Amino acid sequence: MAKQYTSFEEFWPFYVCEHSRPMTRWLHFCGTLLLIPIVVLAVVGSAWYLLLLPFVGYGFAWVSHAFVERNRPATFTYPWWSLMADFKMFFYILTGKMSDEVTRCTQVRSE
């Protein structure tokens, strides 16, 4: 049976390890980045654009897990923490911290 996480702090290293390949992180980043213009379009245009959010956000992520990382997205088990972690990863990528997180995760996992 898979480990059950009881806090976001405990979940985060698992999430990082599930996104160990750079292409997986890049596709997640692109999907999250594309959410911004969709929200802007919804605000200045029509709220109907909001219907695109799950397709864009999850579409990029699920493709990356299916074809790049070849694992099951954490969204299915931990939807809210996965969403929080996706935004945390997005900002870590923007600030150049994500590679260090992946290195730290893989070191802890190999111990």
PDB file of N, CA and C in Angstrom:
ATOM      1  N   MET A   1       0.841  -1.189   0.000  1.00  0.00           N
ATOM      2  CA  MET A   1       0.000   0.000   0.000  1.00  0.00           C
ATOM      3  C   MET A   1       0.884   1.250   0.000  1.00  0.00           C
ATOM      4  N   ALA A   2       0.472   2.243  -0.739  1.00  0.00           N
ATOM      5  CA  ALA A   2       1.245   3.479  -0.850  1.00  0.00           C
ATOM      6  C   ALA A   2       1.162   4.274   0.452  1.00  0.00           C
ATOM      7  N   LYS A   3       2.196   5.036   0.690  1.00  0.00           N
ATOM      8  CA  LYS A   3       2.241   5.888   1.889  1.00  0.00           C
ATOM      9  C   LYS A   3       1.135   6.930   1.821  1.00  0.00           C
ATOM     10  N   GLN A   4       0.503   7.183   2.958  1.00  0.00           N
ATOM     11  CA  GLN A   4      -0.512   8.228   3.067  1.00  0.00           C
ATOM     12  C   GLN A   4       0.122   9.455   3.710  1.00  0.00           C
ATOM     13  N   TYR A   5       0.030  10.583   3.047  1.00  0.00           N
ATOM     14  CA  TYR A   5       0.616  11.820   3.556  1.00  0.00           C
ATOM     15  C   TYR A   5      -0.420  12.563   4.391  1.00  0.00           C
ATOM     16  N   THR A   6       0.048  13.132   5.487  1.00  0.00           N
ATOM     17  CA  THR A   6      -0.868  13.818   6.402  1.00  0.00           C
ATOM     18  C   THR A   6      -0.645  15.324   6.441  1.00  0.00           C
ATOM     19  N   SER A   7       0.353  15.816   5.706  1.00  0.00           N
ATOM     20  CA  SER A   7       0.603  17.253   5.641  1.00  0.00           C
ATOM     21  C   SER A   7       1.221  17.593   4.297  1.00  0.00           C
ATOM     22  N   PHE A   8       1.079  18.857   3.923  1.00  0.00           N
ATOM     23  CA  PHE A   8       1.676  19.311   2.666  1.00  0.00           C
ATOM     24  C   PHE A   8       3.201  19.221   2.739  1.00  0.00           C
ATOM     25  N   GLU A   9       3.763  19.543   3.893  1.00  0.00           N
ATOM     26  CA  GLU A   9       5.224  19.491   4.062  1.00  0.00           C
ATOM     27  C   GLU A   9       5.753  18.079   3.836  1.00  0.00           C
ATOM     28  N   GLU A  10       4.988  17.092   4.233  1.00  0.00           N
ATOM     29  CA  GLU A  10       5.364  15.692   4.033  1.00  0.00           C
ATOM     30  C   GLU A  10       5.147  15.283   2.567  1.00  0.00           C
ATOM     31  N   PHE A  11       4.125  15.843   1.952  1.00  0.00           N
ATOM     32  CA  PHE A  11       3.772  15.523   0.572  1.00  0.00           C
ATOM     33  C   PHE A  11       4.760  16.119  -0.433  1.00  0.00           C
ATOM     34  N   TRP A  12       5.289  17.317  -0.171  1.00  0.00           N
ATOM     35  CA  TRP A  12       6.128  18.039  -1.109  1.00  0.00           C
ATOM     36  C   TRP A  12       7.317  17.214  -1.629  1.00  0.00           C
ATOM     37  N   PRO A  13       8.118  16.551  -0.778  1.00  0.00           N
ATOM     38  CA  PRO A  13       9.234  15.758  -1.333  1.00  0.00           C
ATOM     39  C   PRO A  13       8.759  14.641  -2.268  1.00  0.00           C
ATOM     40  N   PHE A  14       7.648  14.013  -1.941  1.00  0.00           N
ATOM     41  CA  PHE A  14       7.074  13.004  -2.828  1.00  0.00           C
ATOM     42  C   PHE A  14       6.733  13.627  -4.179  1.00  0.00           C
ATOM     43  N   TYR A  15       6.083  14.776  -4.162  1.00  0.00           N
ATOM     44  CA  TYR A  15       5.693  15.476  -5.381  1.00  0.00           C
ATOM     45  C   TYR A  15       6.921  15.810  -6.224  1.00  0.00           C
ATOM     46  N   VAL A  16       7.956  16.305  -5.572  1.00  0.00           N
ATOM     47  CA  VAL A  16       9.194  16.666  -6.286  1.00  0.00           C
ATOM     48  C   VAL A  16       9.778  15.431  -6.975  1.00  0.00           C
ATOM     49  N   CYS A  17       9.837  14.326  -6.266  1.00  0.00           N
ATOM     50  CA  CYS A  17      10.402  13.102  -6.850  1.00  0.00           C
ATOM     51  C   CYS A  17       9.558  12.575  -8.011  1.00  0.00           C
ATOM     52  N   GLU A  18       8.263  12.829  -7.963  1.00  0.00           N
ATOM     53  CA  GLU A  18       7.384  12.411  -9.059  1.00  0.00           C
ATOM     54  C   GLU A  18       7.537  13.312 -10.286  1.00  0.00           C
ATOM     55  N   HIS A  19       8.326  14.368 -10.163  1.00  0.00           N
ATOM     56  CA  HIS A  19       8.578  15.318 -11.251  1.00  0.00           C
ATOM     57  C   HIS A  19      10.085  15.451 -11.467  1.00  0.00           C
ATOM     58  N   SER A  20      10.779  14.334 -11.478  1.00  0.00           N
ATOM     59  CA  SER A  20      12.247  14.350 -11.516  1.00  0.00           C
ATOM     60  C   SER A  20      12.817  14.681 -12.889  1.00  0.00           C
ATOM     61  N   ARG A  21      12.071  14.454 -13.928  1.00  0.00           N
ATOM     62  CA  ARG A  21      12.583  14.722 -15.281  1.00  0.00           C
ATOM     63  C   ARG A  21      12.315  16.173 -15.687  1.00  0.00           C
ATOM     64  N   PRO A  22      13.317  16.829 -16.255  1.00  0.00           N
ATOM     65  CA  PRO A  22      13.149  18.241 -16.638  1.00  0.00           C
ATOM     66  C   PRO A  22      11.966  18.488 -17.574  1.00  0.00           C
ATOM     67  N   MET A  23      11.694  17.586 -18.507  1.00  0.00           N
ATOM     68  CA  MET A  23      10.582  17.795 -19.444  1.00  0.00           C
ATOM     69  C   MET A  23       9.243  17.762 -18.711  1.00  0.00           C
ATOM     70  N   THR A  24       9.133  16.924 -17.696  1.00  0.00           N
ATOM     71  CA  THR A  24       7.902  16.887 -16.899  1.00  0.00           C
ATOM     72  C   THR A  24       7.675  18.240 -16.242  1.00  0.00           C
ATOM     73  N   ARG A  25       8.723  18.764 -15.628  1.00  0.00           N
ATOM     74  CA  ARG A  25       8.603  20.064 -14.967  1.00  0.00           C
ATOM     75  C   ARG A  25       8.309  21.167 -15.982  1.00  0.00           C
ATOM     76  N   TRP A  26       8.931  21.098 -17.137  1.00  0.00           N
ATOM     77  CA  TRP A  26       8.719  22.109 -18.172  1.00  0.00           C
ATOM     78  C   TRP A  26       7.265  22.099 -18.656  1.00  0.00           C
ATOM     79  N   LEU A  27       6.703  20.922 -18.881  1.00  0.00           N
ATOM     80  CA  LEU A  27       5.317  20.841 -19.330  1.00  0.00           C
ATOM     81  C   LEU A  27       4.355  21.343 -18.249  1.00  0.00           C
ATOM     82  N   HIS A  28       4.631  21.014 -16.997  1.00  0.00           N
ATOM     83  CA  HIS A  28       3.821  21.551 -15.903  1.00  0.00           C
ATOM     84  C   HIS A  28       3.915  23.082 -15.882  1.00  0.00           C
ATOM     85  N   PHE A  29       5.118  23.580 -16.029  1.00  0.00           N
ATOM     86  CA  PHE A  29       5.341  25.021 -16.016  1.00  0.00           C
ATOM     87  C   PHE A  29       4.539  25.701 -17.134  1.00  0.00           C
ATOM     88  N   CYS A  30       4.598  25.127 -18.331  1.00  0.00           N
ATOM     89  CA  CYS A  30       3.865  25.704 -19.472  1.00  0.00           C
ATOM     90  C   CYS A  30       2.359  25.707 -19.216  1.00  0.00           C
ATOM     91  N   GLY A  31       1.842  24.601 -18.708  1.00  0.00           N
ATOM     92  CA  GLY A  31       0.413  24.527 -18.420  1.00  0.00           C
ATOM     93  C   GLY A  31      -0.001  25.561 -17.390  1.00  0.00           C
ATOM     94  N   THR A  32       0.798  25.721 -16.350  1.00  0.00           N
ATOM     95  CA  THR A  32       0.484  26.697 -15.308  1.00  0.00           C
ATOM     96  C   THR A  32       0.608  28.115 -15.857  1.00  0.00           C
ATOM     97  N   LEU A  33       1.636  28.364 -16.641  1.00  0.00           N
ATOM     98  CA  LEU A  33       1.827  29.689 -17.223  1.00  0.00           C
ATOM     99  C   LEU A  33       0.654  30.075 -18.130  1.00  0.00           C
ATOM    100  N   LEU A  34       0.134  29.138 -18.873  1.00  0.00           N
ATOM    101  CA  LEU A  34      -0.981  29.420 -19.779  1.00  0.00           C
ATOM    102  C   LEU A  34      -2.286  29.725 -19.037  1.00  0.00           C
ATOM    103  N   LEU A  35      -2.332  29.393 -17.750  1.00  0.00           N
ATOM    104  CA  LEU A  35      -3.529  29.724 -16.971  1.00  0.00           C
ATOM    105  C   LEU A  35      -3.699  31.231 -16.835  1.00  0.00           C
ATOM    106  N   ILE A  36      -2.596  31.951 -16.823  1.00  0.00           N
ATOM    107  CA  ILE A  36      -2.643  33.410 -16.625  1.00  0.00           C
ATOM    108  C   ILE A  36      -3.413  34.107 -17.749  1.00  0.00           C
ATOM    109  N   PRO A  37      -3.065  33.891 -19.025  1.00  0.00           N
ATOM    110  CA  PRO A  37      -3.843  34.569 -20.070  1.00  0.00           C
ATOM    111  C   PRO A  37      -5.294  34.106 -20.128  1.00  0.00           C
ATOM    112  N   ILE A  38      -5.559  32.878 -19.734  1.00  0.00           N
ATOM    113  CA  ILE A  38      -6.947  32.411 -19.726  1.00  0.00           C
ATOM    114  C   ILE A  38      -7.757  33.179 -18.689  1.00  0.00           C
ATOM    115  N   VAL A  39      -7.181  33.378 -17.516  1.00  0.00           N
ATOM    116  CA  VAL A  39      -7.871  34.158 -16.476  1.00  0.00           C
ATOM    117  C   VAL A  39      -8.064  35.597 -16.936  1.00  0.00           C
ATOM    118  N   VAL A  40      -7.058  36.167 -17.583  1.00  0.00           N
ATOM    119  CA  VAL A  40      -7.188  37.535 -18.107  1.00  0.00           C
ATOM    120  C   VAL A  40      -8.308  37.592 -19.145  1.00  0.00           C
ATOM    121  N   LEU A  41      -8.351  36.637 -20.052  1.00  0.00           N
ATOM    122  CA  LEU A  41      -9.423  36.604 -21.053  1.00  0.00           C
ATOM    123  C   LEU A  41     -10.791  36.493 -20.395  1.00  0.00           C
ATOM    124  N   ALA A  42     -10.858  35.710 -19.331  1.00  0.00           N
ATOM    125  CA  ALA A  42     -12.138  35.559 -18.623  1.00  0.00           C
ATOM    126  C   ALA A  42     -12.568  36.872 -17.969  1.00  0.00           C
ATOM    127  N   VAL A  43     -11.589  37.610 -17.444  1.00  0.00           N
ATOM    128  CA  VAL A  43     -11.907  38.874 -16.771  1.00  0.00           C
ATOM    129  C   VAL A  43     -12.306  39.952 -17.773  1.00  0.00           C
ATOM    130  N   VAL A  44     -11.550  40.077 -18.862  1.00  0.00           N
ATOM    131  CA  VAL A  44     -11.824  41.150 -19.828  1.00  0.00           C
ATOM    132  C   VAL A  44     -12.808  40.737 -20.916  1.00  0.00           C
ATOM    133  N   GLY A  45     -12.991  39.451 -21.088  1.00  0.00           N
ATOM    134  CA  GLY A  45     -13.875  38.971 -22.146  1.00  0.00           C
ATOM    135  C   GLY A  45     -15.092  38.261 -21.583  1.00  0.00           C
ATOM    136  N   SER A  46     -14.981  36.964 -21.524  1.00  0.00           N
ATOM    137  CA  SER A  46     -16.119  36.154 -21.101  1.00  0.00           C
ATOM    138  C   SER A  46     -15.684  35.127 -20.054  1.00  0.00           C
ATOM    139  N   ALA A  47     -16.521  34.929 -19.075  1.00  0.00           N
ATOM    140  CA  ALA A  47     -16.238  33.934 -18.033  1.00  0.00           C
ATOM    141  C   ALA A  47     -16.185  32.519 -18.612  1.00  0.00           C
ATOM    142  N   TRP A  48     -16.692  32.347 -19.799  1.00  0.00           N
ATOM    143  CA  TRP A  48     -16.650  31.021 -20.432  1.00  0.00           C
ATOM    144  C   TRP A  48     -15.225  30.520 -20.624  1.00  0.00           C
ATOM    145  N   TYR A  49     -14.265  31.437 -20.708  1.00  0.00           N
ATOM    146  CA  TYR A  49     -12.867  31.027 -20.848  1.00  0.00           C
ATOM    147  C   TYR A  49     -12.397  30.202 -19.650  1.00  0.00           C
ATOM    148  N   LEU A  50     -13.030  30.398 -18.512  1.00  0.00           N
ATOM    149  CA  LEU A  50     -12.648  29.649 -17.314  1.00  0.00           C
ATOM    150  C   LEU A  50     -12.827  28.139 -17.490  1.00  0.00           C
ATOM    151  N   LEU A  51     -13.693  27.759 -18.411  1.00  0.00           N
ATOM    152  CA  LEU A  51     -13.881  26.332 -18.692  1.00  0.00           C
ATOM    153  C   LEU A  51     -12.614  25.685 -19.258  1.00  0.00           C
ATOM    154  N   LEU A  52     -11.724  26.501 -19.796  1.00  0.00           N
ATOM    155  CA  LEU A  52     -10.469  25.984 -20.351  1.00  0.00           C
ATOM    156  C   LEU A  52      -9.440  25.644 -19.265  1.00  0.00           C
ATOM    157  N   LEU A  53      -9.587  26.222 -18.076  1.00  0.00           N
ATOM    158  CA  LEU A  53      -8.570  26.059 -17.030  1.00  0.00           C
ATOM    159  C   LEU A  53      -8.205  24.608 -16.744  1.00  0.00           C
ATOM    160  N   PRO A  54      -9.162  23.726 -16.478  1.00  0.00           N
ATOM    161  CA  PRO A  54      -8.747  22.350 -16.170  1.00  0.00           C
ATOM    162  C   PRO A  54      -8.110  21.630 -17.353  1.00  0.00           C
ATOM    163  N   PHE A  55      -8.565  21.942 -18.557  1.00  0.00           N
ATOM    164  CA  PHE A  55      -8.003  21.275 -19.729  1.00  0.00           C
ATOM    165  C   PHE A  55      -6.554  21.695 -19.968  1.00  0.00           C
ATOM    166  N   VAL A  56      -6.287  22.974 -19.798  1.00  0.00           N
ATOM    167  CA  VAL A  56      -4.927  23.473 -20.008  1.00  0.00           C
ATOM    168  C   VAL A  56      -4.028  23.049 -18.848  1.00  0.00           C
ATOM    169  N   GLY A  57      -4.443  23.354 -17.642  1.00  0.00           N
ATOM    170  CA  GLY A  57      -3.614  23.045 -16.473  1.00  0.00           C
ATOM    171  C   GLY A  57      -3.345  21.560 -16.327  1.00  0.00           C
ATOM    172  N   TYR A  58      -4.403  20.761 -16.338  1.00  0.00           N
ATOM    173  CA  TYR A  58      -4.220  19.321 -16.167  1.00  0.00           C
ATOM    174  C   TYR A  58      -3.757  18.638 -17.444  1.00  0.00           C
ATOM    175  N   GLY A  59      -4.120  19.175 -18.583  1.00  0.00           N
ATOM    176  CA  GLY A  59      -3.724  18.552 -19.854  1.00  0.00           C
ATOM    177  C   GLY A  59      -2.220  18.425 -19.997  1.00  0.00           C
ATOM    178  N   PHE A  60      -1.514  19.516 -19.800  1.00  0.00           N
ATOM    179  CA  PHE A  60      -0.052  19.480 -19.894  1.00  0.00           C
ATOM    180  C   PHE A  60       0.534  18.539 -18.849  1.00  0.00           C
ATOM    181  N   ALA A  61      -0.003  18.613 -17.643  1.00  0.00           N
ATOM    182  CA  ALA A  61       0.522  17.793 -16.551  1.00  0.00           C
ATOM    183  C   ALA A  61       0.305  16.305 -16.824  1.00  0.00           C
ATOM    184  N   TRP A  62      -0.890  15.938 -17.201  1.00  0.00           N
ATOM    185  CA  TRP A  62      -1.183  14.521 -17.402  1.00  0.00           C
ATOM    186  C   TRP A  62      -0.434  13.946 -18.592  1.00  0.00           C
ATOM    187  N   VAL A  63      -0.246  14.729 -19.632  1.00  0.00           N
ATOM    188  CA  VAL A  63       0.566  14.264 -20.765  1.00  0.00           C
ATOM    189  C   VAL A  63       1.998  14.016 -20.300  1.00  0.00           C
ATOM    190  N   SER A  64       2.513  14.921 -19.469  1.00  0.00           N
ATOM    191  CA  SER A  64       3.897  14.749 -19.004  1.00  0.00           C
ATOM    192  C   SER A  64       4.039  13.499 -18.143  1.00  0.00           C
ATOM    193  N   HIS A  65       3.048  13.200 -17.331  1.00  0.00           N
ATOM    194  CA  HIS A  65       3.139  11.997 -16.501  1.00  0.00           C
ATOM    195  C   HIS A  65       2.979  10.733 -17.334  1.00  0.00           C
ATOM    196  N   ALA A  66       2.113  10.775 -18.319  1.00  0.00           N
ATOM    197  CA  ALA A  66       1.876   9.590 -19.145  1.00  0.00           C
ATOM    198  C   ALA A  66       3.051   9.272 -20.066  1.00  0.00           C
ATOM    199  N   PHE A  67       3.638  10.295 -20.680  1.00  0.00           N
ATOM    200  CA  PHE A  67       4.619  10.048 -21.727  1.00  0.00           C
ATOM    201  C   PHE A  67       6.059  10.393 -21.361  1.00  0.00           C
ATOM    202  N   VAL A  68       6.270  11.175 -20.336  1.00  0.00           N
ATOM    203  CA  VAL A  68       7.633  11.564 -19.960  1.00  0.00           C
ATOM    204  C   VAL A  68       8.041  10.865 -18.662  1.00  0.00           C
ATOM    205  N   GLU A  69       7.312  11.131 -17.617  1.00  0.00           N
ATOM    206  CA  GLU A  69       7.671  10.588 -16.299  1.00  0.00           C
ATOM    207  C   GLU A  69       7.223   9.138 -16.150  1.00  0.00           C
ATOM    208  N   ARG A  70       6.160   8.788 -16.861  1.00  0.00           N
ATOM    209  CA  ARG A  70       5.580   7.442 -16.825  1.00  0.00           C
ATOM    210  C   ARG A  70       5.190   7.022 -15.405  1.00  0.00           C
ATOM    211  N   ASN A  71       4.456   7.907 -14.761  1.00  0.00           N
ATOM    212  CA  ASN A  71       3.920   7.605 -13.444  1.00  0.00           C
ATOM    213  C   ASN A  71       2.496   8.153 -13.351  1.00  0.00           C
ATOM    214  N   ARG A  72       1.852   7.901 -12.240  1.00  0.00           N
ATOM    215  CA  ARG A  72       0.467   8.321 -12.037  1.00  0.00           C
ATOM    216  C   ARG A  72       0.464   9.714 -11.407  1.00  0.00           C
ATOM    217  N   PRO A  73      -0.279  10.665 -11.982  1.00  0.00           N
ATOM    218  CA  PRO A  73      -0.317  11.999 -11.397  1.00  0.00           C
ATOM    219  C   PRO A  73      -0.829  11.972  -9.954  1.00  0.00           C
ATOM    220  N   ALA A  74      -0.206  12.760  -9.114  1.00  0.00           N
ATOM    221  CA  ALA A  74      -0.610  12.852  -7.708  1.00  0.00           C
ATOM    222  C   ALA A  74      -1.984  13.485  -7.560  1.00  0.00           C
ATOM    223  N   THR A  75      -2.462  14.127  -8.603  1.00  0.00           N
ATOM    224  CA  THR A  75      -3.764  14.788  -8.588  1.00  0.00           C
ATOM    225  C   THR A  75      -4.883  13.824  -8.211  1.00  0.00           C
ATOM    226  N   PHE A  76      -4.763  12.582  -8.623  1.00  0.00           N
ATOM    227  CA  PHE A  76      -5.838  11.625  -8.385  1.00  0.00           C
ATOM    228  C   PHE A  76      -5.979  11.254  -6.911  1.00  0.00           C
ATOM    229  N   THR A  77      -4.885  11.294  -6.175  1.00  0.00           N
ATOM    230  CA  THR A  77      -4.910  10.918  -4.757  1.00  0.00           C
ATOM    231  C   THR A  77      -4.936  12.129  -3.833  1.00  0.00           C
ATOM    232  N   TYR A  78      -4.211  13.170  -4.219  1.00  0.00           N
ATOM    233  CA  TYR A  78      -4.084  14.377  -3.398  1.00  0.00           C
ATOM    234  C   TYR A  78      -4.381  15.616  -4.251  1.00  0.00           C
ATOM    235  N   PRO A  79      -5.635  15.839  -4.615  1.00  0.00           N
ATOM    236  CA  PRO A  79      -5.937  16.925  -5.556  1.00  0.00           C
ATOM    237  C   PRO A  79      -5.538  18.312  -5.071  1.00  0.00           C
ATOM    238  N   TRP A  80      -5.815  18.660  -3.825  1.00  0.00           N
ATOM    239  CA  TRP A  80      -5.512  20.013  -3.356  1.00  0.00           C
ATOM    240  C   TRP A  80      -4.027  20.217  -3.127  1.00  0.00           C
ATOM    241  N   TRP A  81      -3.383  19.238  -2.502  1.00  0.00           N
ATOM    242  CA  TRP A  81      -1.939  19.367  -2.287  1.00  0.00           C
ATOM    243  C   TRP A  81      -1.193  19.353  -3.610  1.00  0.00           C
ATOM    244  N   SER A  82      -1.686  18.592  -4.556  1.00  0.00           N
ATOM    245  CA  SER A  82      -1.064  18.559  -5.876  1.00  0.00           C
ATOM    246  C   SER A  82      -1.170  19.923  -6.557  1.00  0.00           C
ATOM    247  N   LEU A  83      -2.331  20.547  -6.436  1.00  0.00           N
ATOM    248  CA  LEU A  83      -2.516  21.885  -7.014  1.00  0.00           C
ATOM    249  C   LEU A  83      -1.588  22.891  -6.332  1.00  0.00           C
ATOM    250  N   MET A  84      -1.522  22.832  -5.011  1.00  0.00           N
ATOM    251  CA  MET A  84      -0.617  23.723  -4.270  1.00  0.00           C
ATOM    252  C   MET A  84       0.835  23.477  -4.679  1.00  0.00           C
ATOM    253  N   ALA A  85       1.199  22.211  -4.797  1.00  0.00           N
ATOM    254  CA  ALA A  85       2.576  21.865  -5.148  1.00  0.00           C
ATOM    255  C   ALA A  85       2.913  22.307  -6.565  1.00  0.00           C
ATOM    256  N   ASP A  86       1.932  22.248  -7.458  1.00  0.00           N
ATOM    257  CA  ASP A  86       2.172  22.695  -8.828  1.00  0.00           C
ATOM    258  C   ASP A  86       2.528  24.176  -8.854  1.00  0.00           C
ATOM    259  N   PHE A  87       1.805  24.980  -8.091  1.00  0.00           N
ATOM    260  CA  PHE A  87       2.117  26.412  -8.040  1.00  0.00           C
ATOM    261  C   PHE A  87       3.444  26.661  -7.325  1.00  0.00           C
ATOM    262  N   LYS A  88       3.727  25.882  -6.299  1.00  0.00           N
ATOM    263  CA  LYS A  88       5.019  26.016  -5.618  1.00  0.00           C
ATOM    264  C   LYS A  88       6.151  25.675  -6.586  1.00  0.00           C
ATOM    265  N   MET A  89       5.980  24.585  -7.351  1.00  0.00           N
ATOM    266  CA  MET A  89       6.988  24.202  -8.336  1.00  0.00           C
ATOM    267  C   MET A  89       7.130  25.292  -9.399  1.00  0.00           C
ATOM    268  N   PHE A  90       6.029  25.868  -9.843  1.00  0.00           N
ATOM    269  CA  PHE A  90       6.048  26.948 -10.832  1.00  0.00           C
ATOM    270  C   PHE A  90       6.933  28.094 -10.335  1.00  0.00           C
ATOM    271  N   PHE A  91       6.715  28.523  -9.089  1.00  0.00           N
ATOM    272  CA  PHE A  91       7.504  29.631  -8.542  1.00  0.00           C
ATOM    273  C   PHE A  91       8.949  29.226  -8.264  1.00  0.00           C
ATOM    274  N   TYR A  92       9.173  27.977  -7.896  1.00  0.00           N
ATOM    275  CA  TYR A  92      10.550  27.503  -7.721  1.00  0.00           C
ATOM    276  C   TYR A  92      11.291  27.493  -9.060  1.00  0.00           C
ATOM    277  N   ILE A  93      10.598  27.130 -10.118  1.00  0.00           N
ATOM    278  CA  ILE A  93      11.221  27.164 -11.444  1.00  0.00           C
ATOM    279  C   ILE A  93      11.529  28.612 -11.831  1.00  0.00           C
ATOM    280  N   LEU A  94      10.575  29.508 -11.597  1.00  0.00           N
ATOM    281  CA  LEU A  94      10.792  30.925 -11.909  1.00  0.00           C
ATOM    282  C   LEU A  94      11.991  31.508 -11.161  1.00  0.00           C
ATOM    283  N   THR A  95      12.195  31.078  -9.931  1.00  0.00           N
ATOM    284  CA  THR A  95      13.268  31.630  -9.103  1.00  0.00           C
ATOM    285  C   THR A  95      14.542  30.798  -9.132  1.00  0.00           C
ATOM    286  N   GLY A  96      14.556  29.739  -9.949  1.00  0.00           N
ATOM    287  CA  GLY A  96      15.763  28.932 -10.096  1.00  0.00           C
ATOM    288  C   GLY A  96      16.041  27.982  -8.942  1.00  0.00           C
ATOM    289  N   LYS A  97      15.040  27.673  -8.126  1.00  0.00           N
ATOM    290  CA  LYS A  97      15.237  26.806  -6.966  1.00  0.00           C
ATOM    291  C   LYS A  97      14.862  25.343  -7.205  1.00  0.00           C
ATOM    292  N   MET A  98      14.177  25.060  -8.300  1.00  0.00           N
ATOM    293  CA  MET A  98      13.607  23.721  -8.469  1.00  0.00           C
ATOM    294  C   MET A  98      14.664  22.644  -8.670  1.00  0.00           C
ATOM    295  N   SER A  99      15.728  22.933  -9.384  1.00  0.00           N
ATOM    296  CA  SER A  99      16.769  21.921  -9.591  1.00  0.00           C
ATOM    297  C   SER A  99      17.380  21.479  -8.269  1.00  0.00           C
ATOM    298  N   ASP A 100      17.571  22.422  -7.358  1.00  0.00           N
ATOM    299  CA  ASP A 100      18.095  22.080  -6.035  1.00  0.00           C
ATOM    300  C   ASP A 100      17.115  21.197  -5.276  1.00  0.00           C
ATOM    301  N   GLU A 101      15.817  21.451  -5.415  1.00  0.00           N
ATOM    302  CA  GLU A 101      14.805  20.624  -4.755  1.00  0.00           C
ATOM    303  C   GLU A 101      14.852  19.192  -5.284  1.00  0.00           C
ATOM    304  N   VAL A 102      15.009  19.046  -6.598  1.00  0.00           N
ATOM    305  CA  VAL A 102      15.066  17.711  -7.202  1.00  0.00           C
ATOM    306  C   VAL A 102      16.317  16.981  -6.719  1.00  0.00           C
ATOM    307  N   THR A 103      17.442  17.677  -6.678  1.00  0.00           N
ATOM    308  CA  THR A 103      18.687  17.069  -6.195  1.00  0.00           C
ATOM    309  C   THR A 103      18.526  16.621  -4.755  1.00  0.00           C
ATOM    310  N   ARG A 104      17.960  17.466  -3.925  1.00  0.00           N
ATOM    311  CA  ARG A 104      17.758  17.135  -2.511  1.00  0.00           C
ATOM    312  C   ARG A 104      16.840  15.924  -2.387  1.00  0.00           C
ATOM    313  N   CYS A 105      15.797  15.890  -3.169  1.00  0.00           N
ATOM    314  CA  CYS A 105      14.840  14.788  -3.126  1.00  0.00           C
ATOM    315  C   CYS A 105      15.487  13.469  -3.512  1.00  0.00           C
ATOM    316  N   THR A 106      16.251  13.482  -4.594  1.00  0.00           N
ATOM    317  CA  THR A 106      16.865  12.241  -5.047  1.00  0.00           C
ATOM    318  C   THR A 106      17.931  11.754  -4.071  1.00  0.00           C
ATOM    319  N   GLN A 107      18.607  12.675  -3.389  1.00  0.00           N
ATOM    320  CA  GLN A 107      19.574  12.278  -2.365  1.00  0.00           C
ATOM    321  C   GLN A 107      18.883  11.627  -1.179  1.00  0.00           C
ATOM    322  N   VAL A 108      17.784  12.208  -0.740  1.00  0.00           N
ATOM    323  CA  VAL A 108      17.041  11.654   0.398  1.00  0.00           C
ATOM    324  C   VAL A 108      16.467  10.305   0.031  1.00  0.00           C
ATOM    325  N   ARG A 109      15.968  10.167  -1.185  1.00  0.00           N
ATOM    326  CA  ARG A 109      15.368   8.905  -1.631  1.00  0.00           C
ATOM    327  C   ARG A 109      16.384   7.782  -1.719  1.00  0.00           C
ATOM    328  N   SER A 110      17.641   8.113  -2.056  1.00  0.00           N
ATOM    329  CA  SER A 110      18.663   7.072  -2.207  1.00  0.00           C
ATOM    330  C   SER A 110      19.280   6.648  -0.872  1.00  0.00           C
ATOM    331  N   GLU A 111      18.981   7.380   0.191  1.00  0.00           N
ATOM    332  CA  GLU A 111      19.554   7.029   1.504  1.00  0.00           C
ATOM    333  C   GLU A 111      18.835   5.876   2.137  1.00  0.00           C
TER     334      GLU A 111
END
